[in-house]
């Protein structure tokens, strides 16, 4: 498995976790993901 595929899978799980916590919009989501270490998104 390539690192790109792993990142997609991990990112998808993180997105689902963020969305499950409540209503959130694009910019807010990028800030939360940056807090998880996804600074290039």
PDB file of N, CA and C in Angstrom:
ATOM      1  N   UNK A   1       0.857  -1.178   0.000  1.00  0.00           N
ATOM      2  CA  UNK A   1       0.000   0.000   0.000  1.00  0.00           C
ATOM      3  C   UNK A   1       0.899   1.236   0.000  1.00  0.00           C
ATOM      4  N   UNK A   2       0.586   2.174  -0.860  1.00  0.00           N
ATOM      5  CA  UNK A   2       1.396   3.394  -0.936  1.00  0.00           C
ATOM      6  C   UNK A   2       1.007   4.371   0.178  1.00  0.00           C
ATOM      7  N   UNK A   3       1.917   5.281   0.450  1.00  0.00           N
ATOM      8  CA  UNK A   3       1.645   6.261   1.509  1.00  0.00           C
ATOM      9  C   UNK A   3       0.482   7.176   1.137  1.00  0.00           C
ATOM     10  N   UNK A   4       0.286   7.414  -0.168  1.00  0.00           N
ATOM     11  CA  UNK A   4      -0.843   8.238  -0.612  1.00  0.00           C
ATOM     12  C   UNK A   4      -2.163   7.563  -0.282  1.00  0.00           C
ATOM     13  N   UNK A   5      -2.244   6.261  -0.510  1.00  0.00           N
ATOM     14  CA  UNK A   5      -3.468   5.527  -0.201  1.00  0.00           C
ATOM     15  C   UNK A   5      -3.719   5.499   1.301  1.00  0.00           C
ATOM     16  N   UNK A   6      -2.657   5.338   2.076  1.00  0.00           N
ATOM     17  CA  UNK A   6      -2.819   5.350   3.536  1.00  0.00           C
ATOM     18  C   UNK A   6      -3.322   6.705   4.007  1.00  0.00           C
ATOM     19  N   UNK A   7      -2.766   7.778   3.443  1.00  0.00           N
ATOM     20  CA  UNK A   7      -3.197   9.121   3.825  1.00  0.00           C
ATOM     21  C   UNK A   7      -4.669   9.325   3.506  1.00  0.00           C
ATOM     22  N   UNK A   8      -5.108   8.855   2.334  1.00  0.00           N
ATOM     23  CA  UNK A   8      -6.524   8.982   1.972  1.00  0.00           C
ATOM     24  C   UNK A   8      -7.407   8.279   2.991  1.00  0.00           C
ATOM     25  N   UNK A   9      -7.021   7.079   3.389  1.00  0.00           N
ATOM     26  CA  UNK A   9      -7.809   6.326   4.359  1.00  0.00           C
ATOM     27  C   UNK A   9      -7.840   6.988   5.720  1.00  0.00           C
ATOM     28  N   UNK A  10      -6.696   7.462   6.160  1.00  0.00           N
ATOM     29  CA  UNK A  10      -6.621   8.134   7.460  1.00  0.00           C
ATOM     30  C   UNK A  10      -7.404   9.440   7.425  1.00  0.00           C
ATOM     31  N   UNK A  11      -7.242  10.184   6.345  1.00  0.00           N
ATOM     32  CA  UNK A  11      -7.938  11.461   6.206  1.00  0.00           C
ATOM     33  C   UNK A  11      -9.448  11.255   6.195  1.00  0.00           C
ATOM     34  N   UNK A  12      -9.897  10.225   5.488  1.00  0.00           N
ATOM     35  CA  UNK A  12     -11.336   9.945   5.449  1.00  0.00           C
ATOM     36  C   UNK A  12     -11.876   9.661   6.846  1.00  0.00           C
ATOM     37  N   UNK A  13     -11.153   8.870   7.617  1.00  0.00           N
ATOM     38  CA  UNK A  13     -11.575   8.576   8.985  1.00  0.00           C
ATOM     39  C   UNK A  13     -11.611   9.817   9.853  1.00  0.00           C
ATOM     40  N   UNK A  14     -10.620  10.677   9.694  1.00  0.00           N
ATOM     41  CA  UNK A  14     -10.587  11.929  10.462  1.00  0.00           C
ATOM     42  C   UNK A  14     -11.749  12.834  10.077  1.00  0.00           C
ATOM     43  N   UNK A  15     -12.030  12.916   8.787  1.00  0.00           N
ATOM     44  CA  UNK A  15     -13.158  13.735   8.334  1.00  0.00           C
ATOM     45  C   UNK A  15     -14.468  13.228   8.919  1.00  0.00           C
ATOM     46  N   UNK A  16     -14.650  11.922   8.908  1.00  0.00           N
ATOM     47  CA  UNK A  16     -15.874  11.356   9.477  1.00  0.00           C
ATOM     48  C   UNK A  16     -15.972  11.634  10.974  1.00  0.00           C
ATOM     49  N   UNK A  17     -14.856  11.569  11.670  1.00  0.00           N
ATOM     50  CA  UNK A  17     -14.858  11.860  13.108  1.00  0.00           C
ATOM     51  C   UNK A  17     -15.238  13.310  13.367  1.00  0.00           C
ATOM     52  N   UNK A  18     -14.699  14.219  12.564  1.00  0.00           N
ATOM     53  CA  UNK A  18     -15.006  15.644  12.730  1.00  0.00           C
ATOM     54  C   UNK A  18     -16.478  15.901  12.428  1.00  0.00           C
ATOM     55  N   UNK A  19     -16.983  15.325  11.355  1.00  0.00           N
ATOM     56  CA  UNK A  19     -18.376  15.531  10.959  1.00  0.00           C
ATOM     57  C   UNK A  19     -19.331  14.941  12.001  1.00  0.00           C
ATOM     58  N   UNK A  20     -18.945  13.823  12.602  1.00  0.00           N
ATOM     59  CA  UNK A  20     -19.835  13.176  13.573  1.00  0.00           C
ATOM     60  C   UNK A  20     -20.005  13.997  14.850  1.00  0.00           C
ATOM     61  N   UNK A  21     -19.095  14.932  15.099  1.00  0.00           N
ATOM     62  CA  UNK A  21     -19.184  15.763  16.301  1.00  0.00           C
ATOM     63  C   UNK A  21     -20.214  16.876  16.170  1.00  0.00           C
ATOM     64  N   UNK A  22     -20.633  17.179  14.958  1.00  0.00           N
ATOM     65  CA  UNK A  22     -21.633  18.219  14.773  1.00  0.00           C
ATOM     66  C   UNK A  22     -21.471  18.930  13.451  1.00  0.00           C
ATOM     67  N   UNK A  23     -22.336  19.889  13.228  1.00  0.00           N
ATOM     68  CA  UNK A  23     -22.322  20.644  11.975  1.00  0.00           C
ATOM     69  C   UNK A  23     -21.042  21.467  11.879  1.00  0.00           C
ATOM     70  N   UNK A  24     -20.384  21.381  10.741  1.00  0.00           N
ATOM     71  CA  UNK A  24     -19.121  22.093  10.551  1.00  0.00           C
ATOM     72  C   UNK A  24     -18.993  22.452   9.073  1.00  0.00           C
ATOM     73  N   UNK A  25     -18.355  23.559   8.809  1.00  0.00           N
ATOM     74  CA  UNK A  25     -18.193  24.039   7.443  1.00  0.00           C
ATOM     75  C   UNK A  25     -16.741  23.917   7.010  1.00  0.00           C
ATOM     76  N   UNK A  26     -16.496  24.078   5.735  1.00  0.00           N
ATOM     77  CA  UNK A  26     -15.199  23.834   5.122  1.00  0.00           C
ATOM     78  C   UNK A  26     -14.006  24.447   5.827  1.00  0.00           C
ATOM     79  N   UNK A  27     -14.030  25.756   6.046  1.00  0.00           N
ATOM     80  CA  UNK A  27     -12.877  26.417   6.657  1.00  0.00           C
ATOM     81  C   UNK A  27     -12.639  25.921   8.078  1.00  0.00           C
ATOM     82  N   UNK A  28     -13.715  25.745   8.824  1.00  0.00           N
ATOM     83  CA  UNK A  28     -13.581  25.231  10.188  1.00  0.00           C
ATOM     84  C   UNK A  28     -12.977  23.830  10.172  1.00  0.00           C
ATOM     85  N   UNK A  29     -13.399  23.027   9.195  1.00  0.00           N
ATOM     86  CA  UNK A  29     -12.900  21.664   9.092  1.00  0.00           C
ATOM     87  C   UNK A  29     -11.394  21.656   8.819  1.00  0.00           C
ATOM     88  N   UNK A  30     -10.926  22.558   7.975  1.00  0.00           N
ATOM     89  CA  UNK A  30      -9.487  22.612   7.698  1.00  0.00           C
ATOM     90  C   UNK A  30      -8.707  23.010   8.946  1.00  0.00           C
ATOM     91  N   UNK A  31      -9.278  23.871   9.770  1.00  0.00           N
ATOM     92  CA  UNK A  31      -8.607  24.261  11.015  1.00  0.00           C
ATOM     93  C   UNK A  31      -8.521  23.078  11.975  1.00  0.00           C
ATOM     94  N   UNK A  32      -9.592  22.304  12.074  1.00  0.00           N
ATOM     95  CA  UNK A  32      -9.592  21.126  12.947  1.00  0.00           C
ATOM     96  C   UNK A  32      -8.579  20.105  12.439  1.00  0.00           C
ATOM     97  N   UNK A  33      -8.577  19.865  11.126  1.00  0.00           N
ATOM     98  CA  UNK A  33      -7.640  18.903  10.552  1.00  0.00           C
ATOM     99  C   UNK A  33      -6.196  19.362  10.733  1.00  0.00           C
ATOM    100  N   UNK A  34      -5.959  20.651  10.650  1.00  0.00           N
ATOM    101  CA  UNK A  34      -4.613  21.179  10.893  1.00  0.00           C
ATOM    102  C   UNK A  34      -4.188  20.873  12.328  1.00  0.00           C
ATOM    103  N   UNK A  35      -5.134  20.924  13.241  1.00  0.00           N
ATOM    104  CA  UNK A  35      -4.846  20.570  14.626  1.00  0.00           C
ATOM    105  C   UNK A  35      -4.493  19.103  14.799  1.00  0.00           C
ATOM    106  N   UNK A  36      -4.997  18.262  13.897  1.00  0.00           N
ATOM    107  CA  UNK A  36      -4.664  16.834  13.903  1.00  0.00           C
ATOM    108  C   UNK A  36      -3.336  16.561  13.208  1.00  0.00           C
ATOM    109  N   UNK A  37      -2.738  17.590  12.605  1.00  0.00           N
ATOM    110  CA  UNK A  37      -1.450  17.404  11.939  1.00  0.00           C
ATOM    111  C   UNK A  37      -1.511  17.424  10.428  1.00  0.00           C
ATOM    112  N   UNK A  38      -2.694  17.657   9.864  1.00  0.00           N
ATOM    113  CA  UNK A  38      -2.854  17.745   8.412  1.00  0.00           C
ATOM    114  C   UNK A  38      -2.701  19.203   7.993  1.00  0.00           C
ATOM    115  N   UNK A  39      -1.527  19.737   8.112  1.00  0.00           N
ATOM    116  CA  UNK A  39      -1.315  21.164   7.865  1.00  0.00           C
ATOM    117  C   UNK A  39      -1.331  21.543   6.389  1.00  0.00           C
ATOM    118  N   UNK A  40      -1.125  20.598   5.481  1.00  0.00           N
ATOM    119  CA  UNK A  40      -1.072  20.901   4.048  1.00  0.00           C
ATOM    120  C   UNK A  40      -2.435  20.860   3.377  1.00  0.00           C
ATOM    121  N   UNK A  41      -3.473  20.673   4.142  1.00  0.00           N
ATOM    122  CA  UNK A  41      -4.810  20.549   3.546  1.00  0.00           C
ATOM    123  C   UNK A  41      -5.479  21.897   3.519  1.00  0.00           C
TER     124      UNK A  41
END
